[in-house]
Amino acid sequence: MNLETLALQGNQTIYTSMAASIAPRLKEIRNAFIKDSFADFHGMEHRMESVSNIHGIEFINDSKATNVNSTWYALESIHKPVIWIAGGTDNGNDYEALLPVVRRKVKAIVWLGKDTQRMQAFFKDLQLPSACTESIQESVDLAYFSGKKGDVVLLSPSCPSFDLFSDYEERGREFKRCVKNL
């Protein structure tokens, strides 16, 4: 199967697809059926969900990324400059694994939430343009007006959302609502 035919892109999708294709082959399910399934699969809400493309700026909802590992995969899968919306309730995450990918992929950070000080301090030495916000509307507006054609605005917080939202789903729905209202 050609990787470009996968409905979802990115390393995490490739790894998951490779693993998921083994079981059907053991049950002797035809390759064509497996191929068609991967070409039609469109993922789940709030996980690398394409929301909109506004004036050439792509908006991706990855609100389900409430940990460092999920955010790493999200950032690693994007091949355009990223304006990263990050933050939430810091639960003592070790952000070390994110440093190389943030250094390579992120052009600006929009901090979202009331508990982002530790995360901000960790990425401070990268000297990326950044701003603090306390609402998703403010985050989306700031990211949009900071972006240019060819950029990606990625909500992939690395943290739970309990400082402003009941859960990642509410945060993701609000992100999509704000993007749609731009």
Foldseek 3Di string as FASTA:
>chain_A
DDQVLFCDFFPVLVVVLVVVVVVVVVVVDDPVVSSVCRNPDDDDAQCQQFQDQDQQETEGRNLVQAALVSVQRVLRRDDFAEAEEAEAADPPHDNVVVVVSCLVHYQEYEYEFDHCVVVCVVCVVSVHHYYYDHDLLVSLVVRVVPDHRRYYYYYNHNRFHVRRDPTSVVVSVVNSVSVVVD
